[in-house]
Amino acid sequence: MAIIEAHVATPQSIYQNEGKVMVTTSNKTSTTEKMVEAIHARDYTLMVLNDKIRISLNDFSINIREVAKGVVVIFNGYVNLIPKPYDEESELITNLIADLRTKVPNDLVTLDIEHFIAELERQNNVFISLETSLNYKEVNSTKLNMKQVQLEIYTVLRKITKRINSLTIKS
């Protein structure tokens, strides 16, 4: 009888553990999905901000072009943010925002990009809070794979964008 009870107790404890694992995995998946959304939102805002500043270099107003040159100098100090590891990218974005706000605050208003800066900061903070809430020891390989895929997609999209822009200029 003791042998039968031992065999019956084992599956029940396994099922209980399986349930805990499923809930934990589900929570991680939810957080991971939120992180992916936050990454894409943050990177998109950063790219649009970069594009808006670079477009200002071709503005009809000499004043806007001159102001944009100063902002581009700061941006150039933070080239290739997106290919960096997540935590490094977050820190660099925080530093970029601080540099823009302290070194060229009036230029942000002139170029009408202060709302982009505020949104980038909000999105960066959302990502940082999600990143700290996720246990990376257990999902480290997933993080690395996601980042690698993101880098590959980003590279292709940038090449396509540059090609389209070059065709537009030639036309």
Foldseek 3Di string as FASTA:
>chain_A
DVVVVVVVVVVVVVVVVVVVVVVVVVVQVVLVVVLVVLLVQLVVLVVVLVVLLVVQCVDPDPVSVVLSVVLVVLVVVCPPLLLDQLVSSLVSLVVSLVCCCPPPVVSCVVSVNVVSSVVSNVSSVSNVVSVVVHDCVVVVVVSVVVSVVVVVVVVVVVVVVVVVVVVVVVD
